[in-house]
Structures are given as structure tokens and as C-alpha cells.
Protein backbone atom coordinates (compact mmCIF):
# COMPACT_ATOMS: atom_id res chain seq x y z
CA MET A 1 61.14 39.72 34.82
CA SER A 2 57.84 39.36 37.04
CA LEU A 3 58.60 38.47 40.77
CA PHE A 4 56.27 35.38 40.06
CA SER A 5 57.67 34.73 36.50
CA LYS A 6 58.30 30.75 38.09
CA LEU A 7 54.88 30.56 39.59
CA LEU A 8 51.72 29.34 38.24
CA ARG A 9 49.55 31.31 40.42
CA PRO A 10 50.16 33.80 43.18
CA LEU A 11 51.78 33.24 46.37
CA GLU A 12 49.64 31.62 49.41
CA LEU A 13 50.06 31.43 52.69
CA GLY A 14 52.60 28.82 54.15
CA ASP A 15 54.00 28.24 50.78
CA HIS A 16 57.18 26.71 50.80
CA ILE A 17 59.23 28.89 48.19
CA TRP A 18 63.15 29.12 47.20
CA TYR A 19 65.33 30.40 44.65
CA HIS A 20 68.97 29.24 43.23
CA THR A 21 72.30 30.96 42.57
CA HIS A 22 75.92 29.52 41.56
CA ARG A 23 74.51 28.30 38.63
CA GLY A 24 72.00 26.11 40.24
CA LEU A 25 74.15 24.63 42.40
CA ILE A 26 72.79 26.06 45.68
CA GLN A 27 69.38 26.72 46.59
CA HIS A 28 67.46 29.40 49.24
CA HIS A 29 64.20 27.60 50.72
CA ARG A 30 61.42 30.13 52.71
CA ILE A 31 58.22 29.93 53.92
CA TYR A 32 55.77 32.54 52.99
CA VAL A 33 54.04 34.19 55.72
CA GLY A 34 51.65 36.52 54.31
CA ASN A 35 51.72 40.89 53.65
CA GLY A 36 55.11 39.98 50.83
CA HIS A 37 57.32 38.51 53.17
CA VAL A 38 58.75 35.03 54.33
CA ILE A 39 60.81 33.64 57.38
CA HIS A 40 63.86 31.64 56.74
CA PHE A 41 66.74 29.87 58.32
CA ASP A 42 70.36 31.29 57.96
CA ASP A 43 73.50 31.40 58.80
CA ASN A 44 73.51 33.87 61.17
CA ASP A 45 76.06 35.94 58.84
CA THR A 46 74.04 35.93 55.84
CA ASP A 47 71.50 38.48 56.40
CA ARG A 48 74.48 41.00 57.51
CA ARG A 49 76.12 40.58 54.37
CA TYR A 50 73.50 41.99 52.02
CA GLY A 51 71.67 44.76 52.10
CA HIS A 52 67.91 45.65 53.62
CA CYS A 53 65.02 47.25 53.62
CA LYS A 54 64.36 49.56 56.38
CA GLY A 55 61.59 47.25 57.98
CA CYS A 56 64.50 44.02 57.44
CA ILE A 57 66.80 45.98 58.94
CA GLU A 58 64.94 46.48 61.86
CA SER A 59 63.73 42.78 62.37
CA LEU A 60 67.71 42.54 61.73
CA ASN A 61 68.53 44.56 64.81
CA ASN A 62 65.70 43.40 67.45
CA ARG A 63 67.07 39.59 66.49
CA PRO A 64 71.15 39.54 66.56
CA GLY A 65 72.63 36.44 66.27
CA GLY A 66 69.43 34.23 65.71
CA TYR A 67 69.19 31.97 62.58
CA VAL A 68 65.23 31.93 62.52
CA ARG A 69 64.89 35.85 60.29
CA TYR A 70 62.01 37.52 59.04
CA SER A 71 62.21 39.34 55.77
CA CYS A 72 60.93 40.95 52.87
CA LEU A 73 60.50 38.53 49.36
CA ALA A 74 63.09 42.02 48.26
CA CYS A 75 65.63 41.42 50.70
CA TRP A 76 65.36 37.65 50.54
CA ARG A 77 66.39 37.85 47.42
CA LEU A 78 69.24 39.93 48.28
CA GLY A 79 67.95 42.78 46.10
CA ASP A 80 67.98 41.24 42.43
CA ALA A 81 64.29 41.10 41.38
CA THR A 82 65.49 38.82 38.18
CA ARG A 83 65.58 35.85 40.49
CA ASN A 84 63.17 33.53 39.90
CA ILE A 85 60.84 32.21 42.79
CA TYR A 86 59.97 28.65 42.20
CA LEU A 87 57.04 26.76 44.40
CA CYS A 88 58.66 23.59 45.94
CA LYS A 89 55.50 21.21 44.96
CA TYR A 90 53.70 18.60 47.67
CA ASP A 91 51.53 15.31 47.25
CA LYS A 92 53.08 15.25 43.51
CA LYS A 93 52.77 11.42 41.89
CA LEU A 94 55.47 9.65 40.80
CA LEU A 95 54.83 10.49 37.38
CA SER A 96 55.55 13.85 37.66
CA LEU A 97 58.64 13.30 39.75
CA ILE A 98 60.05 11.16 37.12
CA MET A 99 58.87 14.01 34.27
CA ARG A 100 61.16 16.52 36.50
CA GLU A 101 58.42 19.05 36.61
CA THR A 102 60.09 22.82 37.36
CA GLY A 103 60.90 23.47 40.81
CA SER A 104 61.10 20.48 43.96
CA ARG A 105 58.60 18.13 43.86
CA SER A 106 57.73 15.90 46.99
CA MET A 107 55.49 12.60 47.45
CA GLU A 108 54.58 13.86 50.70
CA ARG A 109 50.95 15.74 51.83
CA SER A 110 51.71 19.18 52.20
CA HIS A 111 50.24 20.51 55.42
CA PRO A 112 47.51 23.60 55.35
CA GLY A 113 48.96 26.62 54.70
CA HIS A 114 48.23 28.29 58.04
CA VAL A 115 49.37 25.62 59.90
CA ILE A 116 52.60 25.84 58.03
CA ALA A 117 53.08 29.26 58.84
CA ALA A 118 52.19 29.24 62.18
CA ARG A 119 55.58 26.82 62.60
CA ALA A 120 57.86 29.61 61.06
CA TRP A 121 56.45 31.79 62.94
CA TRP A 122 56.86 29.98 66.38
CA TYR A 123 60.57 29.13 65.38
CA PHE A 124 60.56 32.78 64.17
CA GLU A 125 59.62 34.37 67.69
CA ASN A 126 61.74 31.59 69.34
CA ASP A 127 64.44 31.19 67.17
CA ASN A 128 64.84 27.30 68.52
CA PHE A 129 65.30 25.31 65.50
CA GLY A 130 68.69 24.88 66.40
CA ARG A 131 72.17 25.94 64.87
CA TRP A 132 72.33 26.76 60.98
CA GLU A 133 74.71 24.10 59.25
CA LEU A 134 75.62 23.63 55.88
CA PHE A 135 74.79 19.83 55.22
CA SER A 136 72.86 18.46 57.58
CA HIS A 137 70.52 21.56 59.35
CA ASN A 138 69.70 24.29 56.56
CA CYS A 139 67.19 26.51 55.17
CA GLU A 140 65.99 23.69 52.77
CA ASP A 141 65.29 20.95 56.04
CA PHE A 142 63.49 24.48 57.83
CA SER A 143 61.33 25.07 54.96
CA ARG A 144 60.34 21.16 54.81
CA PHE A 145 60.11 20.95 58.32
CA CYS A 146 58.13 23.75 58.46
CA THR A 147 55.42 21.85 55.91
CA ILE A 148 55.13 18.13 56.66
CA LEU A 149 57.12 17.74 59.80
CA LYS A 150 59.92 16.16 58.00
CA LEU A 151 63.81 16.94 58.25
CA GLY A 152 65.59 16.72 54.60
CA SER A 153 67.79 18.50 51.66
CA LYS A 154 68.17 17.26 48.62
CA GLN A 155 71.20 19.68 47.69
CA SER A 156 72.95 18.41 51.04
CA ILE A 157 72.65 15.30 49.36
CA ARG A 158 73.77 16.13 45.42
CA GLY A 159 76.80 18.66 47.61
CA LEU A 160 77.81 15.26 49.11
CA LEU A 161 77.94 13.58 45.55
CA LEU A 162 79.73 16.04 44.28
CA ILE A 163 82.56 15.93 46.53
CA ALA A 164 82.57 12.18 46.11
CA ALA A 165 83.24 12.91 42.76
CA LEU A 166 85.77 15.49 42.86
CA ARG A 167 87.58 13.64 45.32
CA GLY A 168 86.97 9.89 44.90
CA ILE A 169 85.83 8.88 48.33
CA VAL A 170 83.15 7.13 47.88
CA VAL A 171 83.28 4.86 50.90
CA ARG A 172 83.45 8.17 52.93
CA THR A 173 80.32 9.39 51.36
CA VAL A 174 78.15 6.32 51.89
CA LEU A 175 79.01 6.51 55.50
CA GLY A 176 78.69 10.42 55.31
CA PHE A 177 75.23 9.93 54.26
CA ALA A 178 73.93 7.05 57.21
CA ALA A 179 75.44 9.73 59.67
CA LEU A 180 73.24 12.63 58.05
CA ARG A 181 70.14 10.30 58.28
CA VAL A 182 70.95 9.04 61.81
CA LEU A 183 71.91 12.55 62.91
CA ARG A 184 68.43 13.80 60.93
CA SER A 185 66.13 11.57 62.92
CA TRP A 186 67.77 12.42 66.17
CA LYS A 187 66.98 16.23 65.24
CA GLN A 188 63.54 15.52 63.64
CA ALA A 189 62.57 13.81 67.15
CA LYS A 190 63.91 16.74 69.30
CA LEU A 191 62.21 19.22 67.66
CA LEU A 192 58.99 17.26 67.00
CA ARG A 193 58.95 16.75 71.10
CA ASP A 194 59.28 20.84 71.24
CA LEU A 195 56.93 22.01 69.10
CA PRO A 196 53.41 23.28 70.45
CA GLN A 197 50.01 21.56 69.22
CA ASN A 198 47.70 23.68 68.12
CA LEU A 199 49.41 26.62 67.19
CA SER A 200 47.73 29.56 65.14
CA PHE A 201 48.48 32.38 62.39
CA THR A 202 47.05 35.75 62.22
CA TRP A 203 48.65 39.13 60.86
């Protein structure tokens, strides 16, 4: 199966891409920074649980304990070439959201690709996006912030809804949504204050 089997065009600098595992329950989001490589934000044990090519091993060894990672597409997909890669689509009309086109969708306008890549690279070099947290600060938050300067994770919402359905704790789930919204707003404001303006990206 082709690497780009679920993409309608070749990857471009700054693309927000993702694939899913666990029967579609979990998505892994990344920013494409060119030359077959991505930058991503993960639990700092994630990269150590799976194999890496020589280049990615060197990158990992040079950045022990960090949460923002740089890896090739093959290592990002955990060595499984059959994983389909999807493009997160921005600036979509409401009708396309209702019709459920393939891939994640948003009505927000994406920033230019070179700006997105520059932000991702800056976070990789400084590793200051914060601590990875499954529901409140994950790889989807990172990719969305680099793309539109807003935090957000649809899979976090799905996860909380699933927990609510299984445990029947509707009230606690509503409170959890409210708490996540406040927490993300606070983190977003801090990230916006710390992010330098006029970043540039070159290979």
C-alpha cells in the first residue's frame, strides 16, 4: 500500500497529518517539515517503545527525556508501511463537515506552511511546549497550535464521552469538559505569550 494512499496530493511543508491505531480510537498527529520527516509531541517514553532507523536513534539520543520529537515518516508510523496517512483539512465549509469527508476537518483557516513548520521546529529545538498529557495536552493539541495557534483535541472529547457512556457518569463528564476548556485556555494563553514572532524555517 502506498505511503500516500489516503492523500490526494504529495505532502507539503507544514501539513498537519495523522494516522489512527486501536481500531480508530486513537489518532497520532504530526507536522510535516519536509525531506520525509515530521515533528510531533508525545509521551517521552513513546519513542523508546518502538524501533527507529539510525538517524532517528541519533536524534532521540541527543534529546533524552524530551516531549517534542523529530523523526522520519517510517519511524513515526512505527515501521508499519500499511498505515494510511490522512491530511487534516482546514478552511472547510460547513457542508463538507456534515458530509464527513475523509480525514479530520476544521473551519479554521490554516496558516502558511513555512510558518507552521517554523513553529514546530522552534518547539523541537527548545522542547518547551509543556508536558504531554493524554486528555489535556497531546499530539493533536500540538499540531493544531502549530497550524492555527489554537489548542484542541477531538479525540479527547471522544475519549471522555466513551468513559461517560461506559461508567454512566454524565455529571462528572460535563464538569470534566468544563475543566479541560479552562485548562486549555490557560495553556493556550501562555503558549501565545512565549512563542516568538516572525519565525523562519529553512533546511
